[in-house]
Amino acid sequence: NIPLSQLLTPDTKLLLPTLYDVTFTLDFLCSSRGNRLYERAIALYLCKLREEHGEGLTQWDRLNPSQLHSVAQEAAATYWAAVMEMLFGRPIWGPVHHAIDGDEGRAFASHVRSLIAANP
């Protein structure tokens, strides 16, 4: 655990904690006033929900386990895409879509973290 006092400074605009250094965690969100990230993430998620509704994927009691898993992961994937769009100008879907040799996208996530660290 790292105390927030070591992470947050008067210049901090956004904190992006990760889950197992692979994806951004959704259980702790932190941003400065005026940051458009969360507005964009909500807009993307609502768009995805409209798509899922059109495909019948919002009737959760009727979904098979694979469909439920996919729908349950949508919020995290959408948040990742929103972060990528805010940082790099276009939505890039989560690290699992960039897995190499079964690494679950760890190499891709590491590359993204290094780009973020190099451009604070």
Foldseek 3Di string as FASTA:
>chain_A
DDDVVVVDDPPDAWDFPADVLFFTDDPDGDGDPPDCLVVQLVVQLVVVVVVCVVVVLVPPVPDDPVSNVVNVCSSRQSSQQSVCCSVPVGGDTGQLVVDDPPPSNNVVSVVVVVVVVVPD
